[in-house]
């Protein structure tokens, strides 16, 4: 039962993320695997990676207009 609850929660979180994805909008990725990746929303409403922060830098929303940047 717990697995089903977690699976439904993950599905719902994915739907919310897709709903918030507006074409051209950029933000830091979500979750441990994408946390240091700058993502951009495509025409289809699906975020795609643009660049990954390296050399000890992390993705932070401190760029122009609070946009994501590697710092």
PDB file of N, CA and C in Angstrom:
ATOM      1  N   UNK A   1       0.826  -1.197   0.000  1.00  0.00           N
ATOM      2  CA  UNK A   1       0.000   0.000   0.000  1.00  0.00           C
ATOM      3  C   UNK A   1       0.869   1.260   0.000  1.00  0.00           C
ATOM      4  N   UNK A   2       1.969   1.206   0.740  1.00  0.00           N
ATOM      5  CA  UNK A   2       2.842   2.373   0.815  1.00  0.00           C
ATOM      6  C   UNK A   2       3.444   2.679  -0.558  1.00  0.00           C
ATOM      7  N   UNK A   3       3.827   1.619  -1.296  1.00  0.00           N
ATOM      8  CA  UNK A   3       4.397   1.811  -2.629  1.00  0.00           C
ATOM      9  C   UNK A   3       3.409   2.532  -3.543  1.00  0.00           C
ATOM     10  N   UNK A   4       2.151   2.119  -3.486  1.00  0.00           N
ATOM     11  CA  UNK A   4       1.130   2.736  -4.336  1.00  0.00           C
ATOM     12  C   UNK A   4       0.966   4.206  -3.981  1.00  0.00           C
ATOM     13  N   UNK A   5       0.976   4.509  -2.699  1.00  0.00           N
ATOM     14  CA  UNK A   5       0.844   5.900  -2.260  1.00  0.00           C
ATOM     15  C   UNK A   5       2.006   6.733  -2.767  1.00  0.00           C
ATOM     16  N   UNK A   6       3.235   6.200  -2.654  1.00  0.00           N
ATOM     17  CA  UNK A   6       4.408   6.931  -3.126  1.00  0.00           C
ATOM     18  C   UNK A   6       4.377   7.106  -4.641  1.00  0.00           C
ATOM     19  N   UNK A   7       3.949   6.078  -5.355  1.00  0.00           N
ATOM     20  CA  UNK A   7       3.872   6.164  -6.813  1.00  0.00           C
ATOM     21  C   UNK A   7       2.868   7.230  -7.242  1.00  0.00           C
ATOM     22  N   UNK A   8       1.730   7.279  -6.580  1.00  0.00           N
ATOM     23  CA  UNK A   8       0.728   8.295  -6.902  1.00  0.00           C
ATOM     24  C   UNK A   8       1.239   9.690  -6.578  1.00  0.00           C
ATOM     25  N   UNK A   9       1.962   9.826  -5.473  1.00  0.00           N
ATOM     26  CA  UNK A   9       2.523  11.125  -5.101  1.00  0.00           C
ATOM     27  C   UNK A   9       3.536  11.585  -6.143  1.00  0.00           C
ATOM     28  N   UNK A  10       4.368  10.672  -6.628  1.00  0.00           N
ATOM     29  CA  UNK A  10       5.356  11.015  -7.654  1.00  0.00           C
ATOM     30  C   UNK A  10       4.668  11.419  -8.955  1.00  0.00           C
ATOM     31  N   UNK A  11       3.615  10.707  -9.327  1.00  0.00           N
ATOM     32  CA  UNK A  11       2.867  11.035 -10.534  1.00  0.00           C
ATOM     33  C   UNK A  11       2.244  12.419 -10.415  1.00  0.00           C
ATOM     34  N   UNK A  12       1.639  12.712  -9.282  1.00  0.00           N
ATOM     35  CA  UNK A  12       1.020  14.012  -9.069  1.00  0.00           C
ATOM     36  C   UNK A  12       2.059  15.119  -9.130  1.00  0.00           C
ATOM     37  N   UNK A  13       3.222  14.904  -8.513  1.00  0.00           N
ATOM     38  CA  UNK A  13       4.284  15.912  -8.540  1.00  0.00           C
ATOM     39  C   UNK A  13       4.725  16.181  -9.973  1.00  0.00           C
ATOM     40  N   UNK A  14       4.803  15.141 -10.793  1.00  0.00           N
ATOM     41  CA  UNK A  14       5.177  15.308 -12.190  1.00  0.00           C
ATOM     42  C   UNK A  14       4.152  16.115 -12.958  1.00  0.00           C
ATOM     43  N   UNK A  15       2.883  15.888 -12.679  1.00  0.00           N
ATOM     44  CA  UNK A  15       1.829  16.636 -13.353  1.00  0.00           C
ATOM     45  C   UNK A  15       1.867  18.101 -12.970  1.00  0.00           C
ATOM     46  N   UNK A  16       2.129  18.371 -11.702  1.00  0.00           N
ATOM     47  CA  UNK A  16       2.208  19.757 -11.250  1.00  0.00           C
ATOM     48  C   UNK A  16       3.378  20.452 -11.930  1.00  0.00           C
ATOM     49  N   UNK A  17       4.521  19.768 -12.033  1.00  0.00           N
ATOM     50  CA  UNK A  17       5.692  20.361 -12.668  1.00  0.00           C
ATOM     51  C   UNK A  17       5.405  20.698 -14.125  1.00  0.00           C
ATOM     52  N   UNK A  18       4.761  19.785 -14.834  1.00  0.00           N
ATOM     53  CA  UNK A  18       4.458  20.019 -16.242  1.00  0.00           C
ATOM     54  C   UNK A  18       3.481  21.180 -16.400  1.00  0.00           C
ATOM     55  N   UNK A  19       2.552  21.306 -15.474  1.00  0.00           N
ATOM     56  CA  UNK A  19       1.571  22.372 -15.523  1.00  0.00           C
ATOM     57  C   UNK A  19       2.230  23.734 -15.349  1.00  0.00           C
ATOM     58  N   UNK A  20       3.273  23.811 -14.527  1.00  0.00           N
ATOM     59  CA  UNK A  20       3.959  25.062 -14.244  1.00  0.00           C
ATOM     60  C   UNK A  20       4.987  25.420 -15.311  1.00  0.00           C
ATOM     61  N   UNK A  21       5.238  24.541 -16.245  1.00  0.00           N
ATOM     62  CA  UNK A  21       6.264  24.742 -17.259  1.00  0.00           C
ATOM     63  C   UNK A  21       5.699  25.583 -18.402  1.00  0.00           C
ATOM     64  N   UNK A  22       6.136  26.843 -18.480  1.00  0.00           N
ATOM     65  CA  UNK A  22       5.678  27.767 -19.506  1.00  0.00           C
ATOM     66  C   UNK A  22       6.796  27.940 -20.533  1.00  0.00           C
ATOM     67  N   UNK A  23       6.468  27.854 -21.800  1.00  0.00           N
ATOM     68  CA  UNK A  23       7.452  27.935 -22.884  1.00  0.00           C
ATOM     69  C   UNK A  23       8.461  29.059 -22.653  1.00  0.00           C
ATOM     70  N   UNK A  24       9.746  28.702 -22.692  1.00  0.00           N
ATOM     71  CA  UNK A  24      10.822  29.672 -22.543  1.00  0.00           C
ATOM     72  C   UNK A  24      11.254  29.939 -21.116  1.00  0.00           C
ATOM     73  N   UNK A  25      10.473  29.483 -20.135  1.00  0.00           N
ATOM     74  CA  UNK A  25      10.805  29.702 -18.725  1.00  0.00           C
ATOM     75  C   UNK A  25      11.997  28.829 -18.345  1.00  0.00           C
ATOM     76  N   UNK A  26      12.943  29.388 -17.595  1.00  0.00           N
ATOM     77  CA  UNK A  26      14.098  28.617 -17.131  1.00  0.00           C
ATOM     78  C   UNK A  26      14.083  28.524 -15.618  1.00  0.00           C
ATOM     79  N   UNK A  27      14.598  27.412 -15.099  1.00  0.00           N
ATOM     80  CA  UNK A  27      14.696  27.208 -13.654  1.00  0.00           C
ATOM     81  C   UNK A  27      15.672  26.077 -13.377  1.00  0.00           C
ATOM     82  N   UNK A  28      16.060  25.960 -12.108  1.00  0.00           N
ATOM     83  CA  UNK A  28      16.916  24.854 -11.695  1.00  0.00           C
ATOM     84  C   UNK A  28      16.091  23.576 -11.716  1.00  0.00           C
ATOM     85  N   UNK A  29      16.727  22.474 -12.066  1.00  0.00           N
ATOM     86  CA  UNK A  29      16.046  21.187 -12.085  1.00  0.00           C
ATOM     87  C   UNK A  29      15.623  20.765 -10.691  1.00  0.00           C
ATOM     88  N   UNK A  30      14.728  19.795 -10.619  1.00  0.00           N
ATOM     89  CA  UNK A  30      14.225  19.291  -9.343  1.00  0.00           C
ATOM     90  C   UNK A  30      14.783  17.901  -9.078  1.00  0.00           C
ATOM     91  N   UNK A  31      14.922  17.575  -7.817  1.00  0.00           N
ATOM     92  CA  UNK A  31      15.393  16.246  -7.428  1.00  0.00           C
ATOM     93  C   UNK A  31      16.903  16.155  -7.447  1.00  0.00           C
ATOM     94  N   UNK A  32      17.431  15.143  -6.783  1.00  0.00           N
ATOM     95  CA  UNK A  32      18.887  15.009  -6.654  1.00  0.00           C
ATOM     96  C   UNK A  32      19.618  14.894  -7.993  1.00  0.00           C
ATOM     97  N   UNK A  33      19.033  14.240  -8.963  1.00  0.00           N
ATOM     98  CA  UNK A  33      19.714  14.021 -10.240  1.00  0.00           C
ATOM     99  C   UNK A  33      19.792  15.286 -11.090  1.00  0.00           C
ATOM    100  N   UNK A  34      18.850  16.192 -10.935  1.00  0.00           N
ATOM    101  CA  UNK A  34      18.799  17.379 -11.795  1.00  0.00           C
ATOM    102  C   UNK A  34      18.966  18.691 -11.040  1.00  0.00           C
ATOM    103  N   UNK A  35      19.273  18.633  -9.757  1.00  0.00           N
ATOM    104  CA  UNK A  35      19.332  19.844  -8.937  1.00  0.00           C
ATOM    105  C   UNK A  35      20.345  20.863  -9.447  1.00  0.00           C
ATOM    106  N   UNK A  36      21.417  20.416 -10.079  1.00  0.00           N
ATOM    107  CA  UNK A  36      22.440  21.338 -10.575  1.00  0.00           C
ATOM    108  C   UNK A  36      22.384  21.496 -12.088  1.00  0.00           C
ATOM    109  N   UNK A  37      21.187  21.353 -12.631  1.00  0.00           N
ATOM    110  CA  UNK A  37      20.980  21.495 -14.068  1.00  0.00           C
ATOM    111  C   UNK A  37      20.003  22.636 -14.326  1.00  0.00           C
ATOM    112  N   UNK A  38      20.364  23.519 -15.246  1.00  0.00           N
ATOM    113  CA  UNK A  38      19.449  24.584 -15.650  1.00  0.00           C
ATOM    114  C   UNK A  38      18.542  24.008 -16.734  1.00  0.00           C
ATOM    115  N   UNK A  39      17.241  24.142 -16.518  1.00  0.00           N
ATOM    116  CA  UNK A  39      16.241  23.583 -17.423  1.00  0.00           C
ATOM    117  C   UNK A  39      15.482  24.723 -18.108  1.00  0.00           C
ATOM    118  N   UNK A  40      15.018  24.470 -19.328  1.00  0.00           N
ATOM    119  CA  UNK A  40      14.160  25.417 -20.040  1.00  0.00           C
ATOM    120  C   UNK A  40      12.907  24.667 -20.486  1.00  0.00           C
ATOM    121  N   UNK A  41      11.767  25.333 -20.394  1.00  0.00           N
ATOM    122  CA  UNK A  41      10.505  24.717 -20.797  1.00  0.00           C
ATOM    123  C   UNK A  41      10.339  24.830 -22.307  1.00  0.00           C
ATOM    124  N   UNK A  42      10.011  23.715 -22.932  1.00  0.00           N
ATOM    125  CA  UNK A  42       9.804  23.682 -24.375  1.00  0.00           C
ATOM    126  C   UNK A  42       8.372  24.017 -24.741  1.00  0.00           C
ATOM    127  N   UNK A  43       8.098  24.043 -26.037  1.00  0.00           N
ATOM    128  CA  UNK A  43       6.750  24.330 -26.527  1.00  0.00           C
ATOM    129  C   UNK A  43       5.742  23.304 -26.045  1.00  0.00           C
ATOM    130  N   UNK A  44       6.213  22.071 -25.801  1.00  0.00           N
ATOM    131  CA  UNK A  44       5.333  20.995 -25.365  1.00  0.00           C
ATOM    132  C   UNK A  44       5.087  21.004 -23.862  1.00  0.00           C
ATOM    133  N   UNK A  45       5.674  21.983 -23.146  1.00  0.00           N
ATOM    134  CA  UNK A  45       5.486  22.062 -21.701  1.00  0.00           C
ATOM    135  C   UNK A  45       6.372  21.121 -20.918  1.00  0.00           C
ATOM    136  N   UNK A  46       7.357  20.538 -21.579  1.00  0.00           N
ATOM    137  CA  UNK A  46       8.269  19.613 -20.907  1.00  0.00           C
ATOM    138  C   UNK A  46       9.621  20.292 -20.736  1.00  0.00           C
ATOM    139  N   UNK A  47      10.133  20.348 -19.486  1.00  0.00           N
ATOM    140  CA  UNK A  47      11.440  20.963 -19.274  1.00  0.00           C
ATOM    141  C   UNK A  47      12.561  20.086 -19.825  1.00  0.00           C
ATOM    142  N   UNK A  48      13.537  20.725 -20.474  1.00  0.00           N
ATOM    143  CA  UNK A  48      14.693  20.007 -20.998  1.00  0.00           C
ATOM    144  C   UNK A  48      15.962  20.670 -20.481  1.00  0.00           C
ATOM    145  N   UNK A  49      17.014  19.883 -20.275  1.00  0.00           N
ATOM    146  CA  UNK A  49      18.252  20.445 -19.737  1.00  0.00           C
ATOM    147  C   UNK A  49      18.954  21.359 -20.741  1.00  0.00           C
ATOM    148  N   UNK A  50      19.500  22.461 -20.227  1.00  0.00           N
ATOM    149  CA  UNK A  50      20.251  23.401 -21.045  1.00  0.00           C
ATOM    150  C   UNK A  50      21.735  23.261 -20.728  1.00  0.00           C
ATOM    151  N   UNK A  51      22.058  23.259 -19.450  1.00  0.00           N
ATOM    152  CA  UNK A  51      23.444  23.121 -19.018  1.00  0.00           C
ATOM    153  C   UNK A  51      23.483  22.553 -17.607  1.00  0.00           C
ATOM    154  N   UNK A  52      24.579  21.908 -17.278  1.00  0.00           N
ATOM    155  CA  UNK A  52      24.772  21.363 -15.937  1.00  0.00           C
ATOM    156  C   UNK A  52      25.923  22.107 -15.278  1.00  0.00           C
ATOM    157  N   UNK A  53      25.721  22.535 -14.048  1.00  0.00           N
ATOM    158  CA  UNK A  53      26.764  23.246 -13.302  1.00  0.00           C
ATOM    159  C   UNK A  53      27.883  22.272 -12.940  1.00  0.00           C
ATOM    160  N   UNK A  54      29.130  22.720 -13.095  1.00  0.00           N
ATOM    161  CA  UNK A  54      30.298  21.881 -12.810  1.00  0.00           C
ATOM    162  C   UNK A  54      31.289  22.636 -11.930  1.00  0.00           C
ATOM    163  N   UNK A  55      32.411  22.009 -11.648  1.00  0.00           N
ATOM    164  CA  UNK A  55      33.500  22.605 -10.870  1.00  0.00           C
ATOM    165  C   UNK A  55      33.047  23.108  -9.504  1.00  0.00           C
ATOM    166  N   UNK A  56      32.169  22.358  -8.853  1.00  0.00           N
ATOM    167  CA  UNK A  56      31.707  22.717  -7.514  1.00  0.00           C
ATOM    168  C   UNK A  56      30.610  23.759  -7.485  1.00  0.00           C
ATOM    169  N   UNK A  57      30.193  24.253  -8.640  1.00  0.00           N
ATOM    170  CA  UNK A  57      29.114  25.234  -8.677  1.00  0.00           C
ATOM    171  C   UNK A  57      27.773  24.525  -8.584  1.00  0.00           C
ATOM    172  N   UNK A  58      26.767  25.239  -8.086  1.00  0.00           N
ATOM    173  CA  UNK A  58      25.419  24.699  -7.979  1.00  0.00           C
ATOM    174  C   UNK A  58      24.444  25.635  -8.678  1.00  0.00           C
ATOM    175  N   UNK A  59      23.324  25.101  -9.088  1.00  0.00           N
ATOM    176  CA  UNK A  59      22.287  25.907  -9.729  1.00  0.00           C
ATOM    177  C   UNK A  59      21.567  26.716  -8.654  1.00  0.00           C
ATOM    178  N   UNK A  60      21.520  28.028  -8.849  1.00  0.00           N
ATOM    179  CA  UNK A  60      20.882  28.920  -7.883  1.00  0.00           C
ATOM    180  C   UNK A  60      20.054  29.957  -8.629  1.00  0.00           C
ATOM    181  N   UNK A  61      18.941  30.343  -8.039  1.00  0.00           N
ATOM    182  CA  UNK A  61      18.081  31.364  -8.639  1.00  0.00           C
ATOM    183  C   UNK A  61      18.524  32.749  -8.177  1.00  0.00           C
ATOM    184  N   UNK A  62      19.704  33.163  -8.634  1.00  0.00           N
ATOM    185  CA  UNK A  62      20.249  34.464  -8.253  1.00  0.00           C
ATOM    186  C   UNK A  62      20.659  35.281  -9.473  1.00  0.00           C
ATOM    187  N   UNK A  63      20.372  34.769 -10.657  1.00  0.00           N
ATOM    188  CA  UNK A  63      20.732  35.475 -11.881  1.00  0.00           C
ATOM    189  C   UNK A  63      19.806  36.658 -12.116  1.00  0.00           C
ATOM    190  N   UNK A  64      19.922  37.276 -13.296  1.00  0.00           N
ATOM    191  CA  UNK A  64      19.036  38.395 -13.621  1.00  0.00           C
ATOM    192  C   UNK A  64      17.566  37.992 -13.462  1.00  0.00           C
ATOM    193  N   UNK A  65      16.792  38.834 -12.837  1.00  0.00           N
ATOM    194  CA  UNK A  65      15.364  38.569 -12.591  1.00  0.00           C
ATOM    195  C   UNK A  65      15.139  37.274 -11.819  1.00  0.00           C
ATOM    196  N   UNK A  66      16.047  36.928 -10.922  1.00  0.00           N
ATOM    197  CA  UNK A  66      15.972  35.696 -10.122  1.00  0.00           C
ATOM    198  C   UNK A  66      15.993  34.451 -10.989  1.00  0.00           C
ATOM    199  N   UNK A  67      16.570  34.540 -12.165  1.00  0.00           N
ATOM    200  CA  UNK A  67      16.694  33.383 -13.043  1.00  0.00           C
ATOM    201  C   UNK A  67      17.814  32.479 -12.566  1.00  0.00           C
ATOM    202  N   UNK A  68      17.853  31.255 -13.053  1.00  0.00           N
ATOM    203  CA  UNK A  68      18.868  30.308 -12.603  1.00  0.00           C
ATOM    204  C   UNK A  68      20.237  30.621 -13.193  1.00  0.00           C
ATOM    205  N   UNK A  69      21.259  30.368 -12.405  1.00  0.00           N
ATOM    206  CA  UNK A  69      22.633  30.518 -12.846  1.00  0.00           C
ATOM    207  C   UNK A  69      23.499  29.557 -12.054  1.00  0.00           C
ATOM    208  N   UNK A  70      24.651  29.219 -12.580  1.00  0.00           N
ATOM    209  CA  UNK A  70      25.609  28.387 -11.853  1.00  0.00           C
ATOM    210  C   UNK A  70      26.490  29.319 -11.032  1.00  0.00           C
ATOM    211  N   UNK A  71      26.550  29.087  -9.750  1.00  0.00           N
ATOM    212  CA  UNK A  71      27.360  29.945  -8.874  1.00  0.00           C
ATOM    213  C   UNK A  71      28.001  29.112  -7.782  1.00  0.00           C
TER     214      UNK A  71
END
